[in-house]
Amino acid sequence: MAELTVEAEVGGVVVRIECEAGASLGEGDTLIVVESMKMEMPVSSPGGGRVLQILVAVGDTVAEGQAVVVIEAA
């Protein structure tokens, strides 16, 4: 199985984490939500698999392109 690093598409503040390590997920499932310019932007899974590691916490500021979650692709 391949590990994939999911990156934030926009910079902002992490307002919610919608997954947990070890959880199974499908393509398009929301992993985290980032607030940018008063809009909530979901960061979604690019494919099915399992969450290996969450690299951010609620309240963290993230930059565009920053790694936020590592998944094991199915």
PDB file of N, CA and C in Angstrom:
ATOM      1  N   MET A   1       0.837  -1.180   0.000  1.00  0.00           N
ATOM      2  CA  MET A   1       0.000   0.000   0.000  1.00  0.00           C
ATOM      3  C   MET A   1       0.886   1.248   0.000  1.00  0.00           C
ATOM      4  N   ALA A   2       0.431   2.252  -0.729  1.00  0.00           N
ATOM      5  CA  ALA A   2       1.199   3.484  -0.851  1.00  0.00           C
ATOM      6  C   ALA A   2       0.713   4.515   0.160  1.00  0.00           C
ATOM      7  N   GLU A   3       1.666   5.266   0.699  1.00  0.00           N
ATOM      8  CA  GLU A   3       1.317   6.382   1.582  1.00  0.00           C
ATOM      9  C   GLU A   3       1.160   7.637   0.745  1.00  0.00           C
ATOM     10  N   LEU A   4       0.105   8.388   1.013  1.00  0.00           N
ATOM     11  CA  LEU A   4      -0.142   9.658   0.342  1.00  0.00           C
ATOM     12  C   LEU A   4      -0.214  10.761   1.381  1.00  0.00           C
ATOM     13  N   THR A   5       0.432  11.871   1.092  1.00  0.00           N
ATOM     14  CA  THR A   5       0.355  13.035   1.964  1.00  0.00           C
ATOM     15  C   THR A   5      -0.661  13.995   1.368  1.00  0.00           C
ATOM     16  N   VAL A   6      -1.674  14.326   2.133  1.00  0.00           N
ATOM     17  CA  VAL A   6      -2.714  15.250   1.682  1.00  0.00           C
ATOM     18  C   VAL A   6      -2.316  16.648   2.135  1.00  0.00           C
ATOM     19  N   GLU A   7      -2.414  17.599   1.212  1.00  0.00           N
ATOM     20  CA  GLU A   7      -1.992  18.975   1.495  1.00  0.00           C
ATOM     21  C   GLU A   7      -3.189  19.921   1.541  1.00  0.00           C
ATOM     22  N   ALA A   8      -3.041  20.984   2.308  1.00  0.00           N
ATOM     23  CA  ALA A   8      -4.059  22.035   2.350  1.00  0.00           C
ATOM     24  C   ALA A   8      -4.055  22.774   1.016  1.00  0.00           C
ATOM     25  N   GLU A   9      -5.231  23.016   0.473  1.00  0.00           N
ATOM     26  CA  GLU A   9      -5.344  23.722  -0.805  1.00  0.00           C
ATOM     27  C   GLU A   9      -5.287  25.234  -0.629  1.00  0.00           C
ATOM     28  N   VAL A  10      -5.572  25.699   0.591  1.00  0.00           N
ATOM     29  CA  VAL A  10      -5.536  27.129   0.910  1.00  0.00           C
ATOM     30  C   VAL A  10      -4.886  27.308   2.275  1.00  0.00           C
ATOM     31  N   GLY A  11      -4.367  28.486   2.513  1.00  0.00           N
ATOM     32  CA  GLY A  11      -3.845  28.812   3.832  1.00  0.00           C
ATOM     33  C   GLY A  11      -4.971  29.288   4.730  1.00  0.00           C
ATOM     34  N   GLY A  12      -4.840  29.047   6.022  1.00  0.00           N
ATOM     35  CA  GLY A  12      -5.859  29.488   6.965  1.00  0.00           C
ATOM     36  C   GLY A  12      -5.692  28.804   8.303  1.00  0.00           C
ATOM     37  N   VAL A  13      -6.769  28.739   9.050  1.00  0.00           N
ATOM     38  CA  VAL A  13      -6.768  28.152  10.391  1.00  0.00           C
ATOM     39  C   VAL A  13      -7.611  26.876  10.380  1.00  0.00           C
ATOM     40  N   VAL A  14      -7.082  25.805  10.962  1.00  0.00           N
ATOM     41  CA  VAL A  14      -7.820  24.547  11.069  1.00  0.00           C
ATOM     42  C   VAL A  14      -8.937  24.745  12.090  1.00  0.00           C
ATOM     43  N   VAL A  15     -10.194  24.559  11.641  1.00  0.00           N
ATOM     44  CA  VAL A  15     -11.335  24.750  12.546  1.00  0.00           C
ATOM     45  C   VAL A  15     -11.978  23.428  12.963  1.00  0.00           C
ATOM     46  N   ARG A  16     -11.794  22.380  12.155  1.00  0.00           N
ATOM     47  CA  ARG A  16     -12.341  21.062  12.509  1.00  0.00           C
ATOM     48  C   ARG A  16     -11.471  19.963  11.925  1.00  0.00           C
ATOM     49  N   ILE A  17     -11.394  18.871  12.662  1.00  0.00           N
ATOM     50  CA  ILE A  17     -10.768  17.655  12.156  1.00  0.00           C
ATOM     51  C   ILE A  17     -11.879  16.617  12.074  1.00  0.00           C
ATOM     52  N   GLU A  18     -12.112  16.105  10.869  1.00  0.00           N
ATOM     53  CA  GLU A  18     -13.250  15.230  10.612  1.00  0.00           C
ATOM     54  C   GLU A  18     -12.872  13.755  10.562  1.00  0.00           C
ATOM     55  N   CYS A  19     -11.618  13.421  10.888  1.00  0.00           N
ATOM     56  CA  CYS A  19     -11.172  12.031  10.832  1.00  0.00           C
ATOM     57  C   CYS A  19     -10.292  11.745  12.046  1.00  0.00           C
ATOM     58  N   GLU A  20      -9.932  10.479  12.204  1.00  0.00           N
ATOM     59  CA  GLU A  20      -9.014  10.113  13.278  1.00  0.00           C
ATOM     60  C   GLU A  20      -8.076   9.038  12.749  1.00  0.00           C
ATOM     61  N   ALA A  21      -6.908   8.940  13.338  1.00  0.00           N
ATOM     62  CA  ALA A  21      -5.925   7.940  12.919  1.00  0.00           C
ATOM     63  C   ALA A  21      -6.536   6.552  12.990  1.00  0.00           C
ATOM     64  N   GLY A  22      -6.318   5.772  11.928  1.00  0.00           N
ATOM     65  CA  GLY A  22      -6.831   4.415  11.865  1.00  0.00           C
ATOM     66  C   GLY A  22      -8.178   4.292  11.175  1.00  0.00           C
ATOM     67  N   ALA A  23      -8.858   5.408  10.953  1.00  0.00           N
ATOM     68  CA  ALA A  23     -10.186   5.383  10.342  1.00  0.00           C
ATOM     69  C   ALA A  23     -10.103   5.069   8.855  1.00  0.00           C
ATOM     70  N   SER A  24     -11.074   4.308   8.378  1.00  0.00           N
ATOM     71  CA  SER A  24     -11.199   4.047   6.943  1.00  0.00           C
ATOM     72  C   SER A  24     -11.879   5.249   6.297  1.00  0.00           C
ATOM     73  N   LEU A  25     -11.531   5.513   5.043  1.00  0.00           N
ATOM     74  CA  LEU A  25     -12.149   6.629   4.354  1.00  0.00           C
ATOM     75  C   LEU A  25     -12.306   6.314   2.881  1.00  0.00           C
ATOM     76  N   GLY A  26     -13.214   7.048   2.258  1.00  0.00           N
ATOM     77  CA  GLY A  26     -13.462   6.913   0.832  1.00  0.00           C
ATOM     78  C   GLY A  26     -13.022   8.156   0.092  1.00  0.00           C
ATOM     79  N   GLU A  27     -12.968   8.048  -1.213  1.00  0.00           N
ATOM     80  CA  GLU A  27     -12.604   9.195  -2.038  1.00  0.00           C
ATOM     81  C   GLU A  27     -13.583  10.335  -1.799  1.00  0.00           C
ATOM     82  N   GLY A  28     -13.057  11.519  -1.568  1.00  0.00           N
ATOM     83  CA  GLY A  28     -13.892  12.697  -1.358  1.00  0.00           C
ATOM     84  C   GLY A  28     -14.316  12.940   0.076  1.00  0.00           C
ATOM     85  N   ASP A  29     -14.017  12.001   0.989  1.00  0.00           N
ATOM     86  CA  ASP A  29     -14.360  12.215   2.399  1.00  0.00           C
ATOM     87  C   ASP A  29     -13.591  13.418   2.946  1.00  0.00           C
ATOM     88  N   THR A  30     -14.262  14.227   3.756  1.00  0.00           N
ATOM     89  CA  THR A  30     -13.612  15.391   4.356  1.00  0.00           C
ATOM     90  C   THR A  30     -12.681  14.938   5.475  1.00  0.00           C
ATOM     91  N   LEU A  31     -11.437  15.426   5.431  1.00  0.00           N
ATOM     92  CA  LEU A  31     -10.442  15.098   6.448  1.00  0.00           C
ATOM     93  C   LEU A  31     -10.349  16.197   7.500  1.00  0.00           C
ATOM     94  N   ILE A  32     -10.170  17.425   7.044  1.00  0.00           N
ATOM     95  CA  ILE A  32     -10.130  18.579   7.940  1.00  0.00           C
ATOM     96  C   ILE A  32     -10.858  19.734   7.263  1.00  0.00           C
ATOM     97  N   VAL A  33     -11.154  20.769   8.045  1.00  0.00           N
ATOM     98  CA  VAL A  33     -11.770  21.980   7.506  1.00  0.00           C
ATOM     99  C   VAL A  33     -10.891  23.161   7.898  1.00  0.00           C
ATOM    100  N   VAL A  34     -10.545  23.969   6.893  1.00  0.00           N
ATOM    101  CA  VAL A  34      -9.699  25.144   7.088  1.00  0.00           C
ATOM    102  C   VAL A  34     -10.546  26.390   6.840  1.00  0.00           C
ATOM    103  N   GLU A  35     -10.468  27.354   7.755  1.00  0.00           N
ATOM    104  CA  GLU A  35     -11.153  28.636   7.554  1.00  0.00           C
ATOM    105  C   GLU A  35     -10.174  29.603   6.920  1.00  0.00           C
ATOM    106  N   SER A  36     -10.586  30.139   5.769  1.00  0.00           N
ATOM    107  CA  SER A  36      -9.754  31.099   5.047  1.00  0.00           C
ATOM    108  C   SER A  36     -10.646  32.235   4.571  1.00  0.00           C
ATOM    109  N   MET A  37     -10.323  33.437   4.932  1.00  0.00           N
ATOM    110  CA  MET A  37     -11.095  34.626   4.553  1.00  0.00           C
ATOM    111  C   MET A  37     -12.577  34.465   4.887  1.00  0.00           C
ATOM    112  N   LYS A  38     -12.864  33.963   6.106  1.00  0.00           N
ATOM    113  CA  LYS A  38     -14.208  33.778   6.643  1.00  0.00           C
ATOM    114  C   LYS A  38     -15.022  32.720   5.906  1.00  0.00           C
ATOM    115  N   MET A  39     -14.342  31.875   5.108  1.00  0.00           N
ATOM    116  CA  MET A  39     -15.007  30.768   4.427  1.00  0.00           C
ATOM    117  C   MET A  39     -14.405  29.462   4.918  1.00  0.00           C
ATOM    118  N   GLU A  40     -15.241  28.448   5.090  1.00  0.00           N
ATOM    119  CA  GLU A  40     -14.747  27.132   5.497  1.00  0.00           C
ATOM    120  C   GLU A  40     -14.470  26.305   4.249  1.00  0.00           C
ATOM    121  N   MET A  41     -13.237  25.812   4.142  1.00  0.00           N
ATOM    122  CA  MET A  41     -12.803  25.055   2.983  1.00  0.00           C
ATOM    123  C   MET A  41     -12.426  23.648   3.425  1.00  0.00           C
ATOM    124  N   PRO A  42     -13.159  22.626   2.968  1.00  0.00           N
ATOM    125  CA  PRO A  42     -12.810  21.259   3.352  1.00  0.00           C
ATOM    126  C   PRO A  42     -11.575  20.771   2.601  1.00  0.00           C
ATOM    127  N   VAL A  43     -10.773  19.966   3.272  1.00  0.00           N
ATOM    128  CA  VAL A  43      -9.663  19.257   2.637  1.00  0.00           C
ATOM    129  C   VAL A  43     -10.120  17.807   2.557  1.00  0.00           C
ATOM    130  N   SER A  44     -10.241  17.297   1.334  1.00  0.00           N
ATOM    131  CA  SER A  44     -10.838  15.989   1.100  1.00  0.00           C
ATOM    132  C   SER A  44      -9.803  14.938   0.739  1.00  0.00           C
ATOM    133  N   SER A  45     -10.167  13.692   0.957  1.00  0.00           N
ATOM    134  CA  SER A  45      -9.312  12.569   0.622  1.00  0.00           C
ATOM    135  C   SER A  45      -9.280  12.385  -0.899  1.00  0.00           C
ATOM    136  N   PRO A  46      -8.103  12.206  -1.477  1.00  0.00           N
ATOM    137  CA  PRO A  46      -8.012  12.004  -2.924  1.00  0.00           C
ATOM    138  C   PRO A  46      -8.428  10.597  -3.353  1.00  0.00           C
ATOM    139  N   GLY A  47      -8.566   9.697  -2.402  1.00  0.00           N
ATOM    140  CA  GLY A  47      -8.967   8.326  -2.714  1.00  0.00           C
ATOM    141  C   GLY A  47      -9.275   7.572  -1.440  1.00  0.00           C
ATOM    142  N   GLY A  48      -9.709   6.339  -1.599  1.00  0.00           N
ATOM    143  CA  GLY A  48     -10.019   5.523  -0.444  1.00  0.00           C
ATOM    144  C   GLY A  48      -8.769   5.028   0.256  1.00  0.00           C
ATOM    145  N   GLY A  49      -8.926   4.638   1.504  1.00  0.00           N
ATOM    146  CA  GLY A  49      -7.801   4.121   2.257  1.00  0.00           C
ATOM    147  C   GLY A  49      -8.031   4.213   3.749  1.00  0.00           C
ATOM    148  N   ARG A  50      -6.929   4.484   4.449  1.00  0.00           N
ATOM    149  CA  ARG A  50      -6.965   4.546   5.913  1.00  0.00           C
ATOM    150  C   ARG A  50      -6.094   5.706   6.370  1.00  0.00           C
ATOM    151  N   VAL A  51      -6.559   6.423   7.384  1.00  0.00           N
ATOM    152  CA  VAL A  51      -5.799   7.544   7.936  1.00  0.00           C
ATOM    153  C   VAL A  51      -4.640   6.993   8.773  1.00  0.00           C
ATOM    154  N   LEU A  52      -3.413   7.387   8.417  1.00  0.00           N
ATOM    155  CA  LEU A  52      -2.244   6.969   9.179  1.00  0.00           C
ATOM    156  C   LEU A  52      -1.859   7.998  10.236  1.00  0.00           C
ATOM    157  N   GLN A  53      -1.902   9.278   9.852  1.00  0.00           N
ATOM    158  CA  GLN A  53      -1.429  10.321  10.766  1.00  0.00           C
ATOM    159  C   GLN A  53      -2.085  11.650  10.430  1.00  0.00           C
ATOM    160  N   ILE A  54      -2.468  12.375  11.476  1.00  0.00           N
ATOM    161  CA  ILE A  54      -2.983  13.734  11.328  1.00  0.00           C
ATOM    162  C   ILE A  54      -1.869  14.664  11.791  1.00  0.00           C
ATOM    163  N   LEU A  55      -1.462  15.572  10.909  1.00  0.00           N
ATOM    164  CA  LEU A  55      -0.281  16.397  11.158  1.00  0.00           C
ATOM    165  C   LEU A  55      -0.595  17.774  11.729  1.00  0.00           C
ATOM    166  N   VAL A  56      -1.875  18.079  11.916  1.00  0.00           N
ATOM    167  CA  VAL A  56      -2.288  19.394  12.427  1.00  0.00           C
ATOM    168  C   VAL A  56      -3.299  19.211  13.554  1.00  0.00           C
ATOM    169  N   ALA A  57      -3.558  20.293  14.265  1.00  0.00           N
ATOM    170  CA  ALA A  57      -4.556  20.302  15.339  1.00  0.00           C
ATOM    171  C   ALA A  57      -5.484  21.489  15.124  1.00  0.00           C
ATOM    172  N   VAL A  58      -6.665  21.424  15.731  1.00  0.00           N
ATOM    173  CA  VAL A  58      -7.599  22.552  15.671  1.00  0.00           C
ATOM    174  C   VAL A  58      -6.896  23.791  16.230  1.00  0.00           C
ATOM    175  N   GLY A  59      -7.016  24.890  15.501  1.00  0.00           N
ATOM    176  CA  GLY A  59      -6.384  26.139  15.912  1.00  0.00           C
ATOM    177  C   GLY A  59      -5.055  26.396  15.233  1.00  0.00           C
ATOM    178  N   ASP A  60      -4.474  25.364  14.607  1.00  0.00           N
ATOM    179  CA  ASP A  60      -3.208  25.552  13.898  1.00  0.00           C
ATOM    180  C   ASP A  60      -3.423  26.392  12.645  1.00  0.00           C
ATOM    181  N   THR A  61      -2.437  27.218  12.331  1.00  0.00           N
ATOM    182  CA  THR A  61      -2.437  27.952  11.072  1.00  0.00           C
ATOM    183  C   THR A  61      -1.661  27.123  10.059  1.00  0.00           C
ATOM    184  N   VAL A  62      -2.255  26.915   8.885  1.00  0.00           N
ATOM    185  CA  VAL A  62      -1.602  26.134   7.841  1.00  0.00           C
ATOM    186  C   VAL A  62      -1.384  27.002   6.613  1.00  0.00           C
ATOM    187  N   ALA A  63      -0.349  26.668   5.862  1.00  0.00           N
ATOM    188  CA  ALA A  63      -0.047  27.370   4.623  1.00  0.00           C
ATOM    189  C   ALA A  63      -0.558  26.560   3.440  1.00  0.00           C
ATOM    190  N   GLU A  64      -0.819  27.223   2.342  1.00  0.00           N
ATOM    191  CA  GLU A  64      -1.206  26.518   1.122  1.00  0.00           C
ATOM    192  C   GLU A  64      -0.108  25.522   0.770  1.00  0.00           C
ATOM    193  N   GLY A  65      -0.493  24.273   0.518  1.00  0.00           N
ATOM    194  CA  GLY A  65       0.470  23.238   0.158  1.00  0.00           C
ATOM    195  C   GLY A  65       1.084  22.511   1.337  1.00  0.00           C
ATOM    196  N   GLN A  66       0.736  22.915   2.565  1.00  0.00           N
ATOM    197  CA  GLN A  66       1.282  22.257   3.754  1.00  0.00           C
ATOM    198  C   GLN A  66       0.652  20.890   3.937  1.00  0.00           C
ATOM    199  N   ALA A  67       1.459  19.889   4.282  1.00  0.00           N
ATOM    200  CA  ALA A  67       0.956  18.545   4.567  1.00  0.00           C
ATOM    201  C   ALA A  67       0.101  18.586   5.816  1.00  0.00           C
ATOM    202  N   VAL A  68      -1.103  17.967   5.741  1.00  0.00           N
ATOM    203  CA  VAL A  68      -2.016  17.988   6.880  1.00  0.00           C
ATOM    204  C   VAL A  68      -2.404  16.595   7.363  1.00  0.00           C
ATOM    205  N   VAL A  69      -2.477  15.633   6.452  1.00  0.00           N
ATOM    206  CA  VAL A  69      -2.862  14.267   6.795  1.00  0.00           C
ATOM    207  C   VAL A  69      -2.078  13.288   5.931  1.00  0.00           C
ATOM    208  N   VAL A  70      -1.697  12.156   6.522  1.00  0.00           N
ATOM    209  CA  VAL A  70      -1.062  11.084   5.754  1.00  0.00           C
ATOM    210  C   VAL A  70      -2.035   9.915   5.724  1.00  0.00           C
ATOM    211  N   ILE A  71      -2.294   9.410   4.511  1.00  0.00           N
ATOM    212  CA  ILE A  71      -3.200   8.267   4.377  1.00  0.00           C
ATOM    213  C   ILE A  71      -2.483   7.119   3.681  1.00  0.00           C
ATOM    214  N   GLU A  72      -2.986   5.928   3.940  1.00  0.00           N
ATOM    215  CA  GLU A  72      -2.531   4.733   3.248  1.00  0.00           C
ATOM    216  C   GLU A  72      -3.575   4.433   2.188  1.00  0.00           C
ATOM    217  N   ALA A  73      -3.185   4.552   0.925  1.00  0.00           N
ATOM    218  CA  ALA A  73      -4.131   4.363  -0.166  1.00  0.00           C
ATOM    219  C   ALA A  73      -4.530   2.908  -0.304  1.00  0.00           C
ATOM    220  N   ALA A  74      -5.803   2.689  -0.620  1.00  0.00           N
ATOM    221  CA  ALA A  74      -6.304   1.322  -0.793  1.00  0.00           C
ATOM    222  C   ALA A  74      -5.924   0.784  -2.155  1.00  0.00           C
TER     223      ALA A  74
END
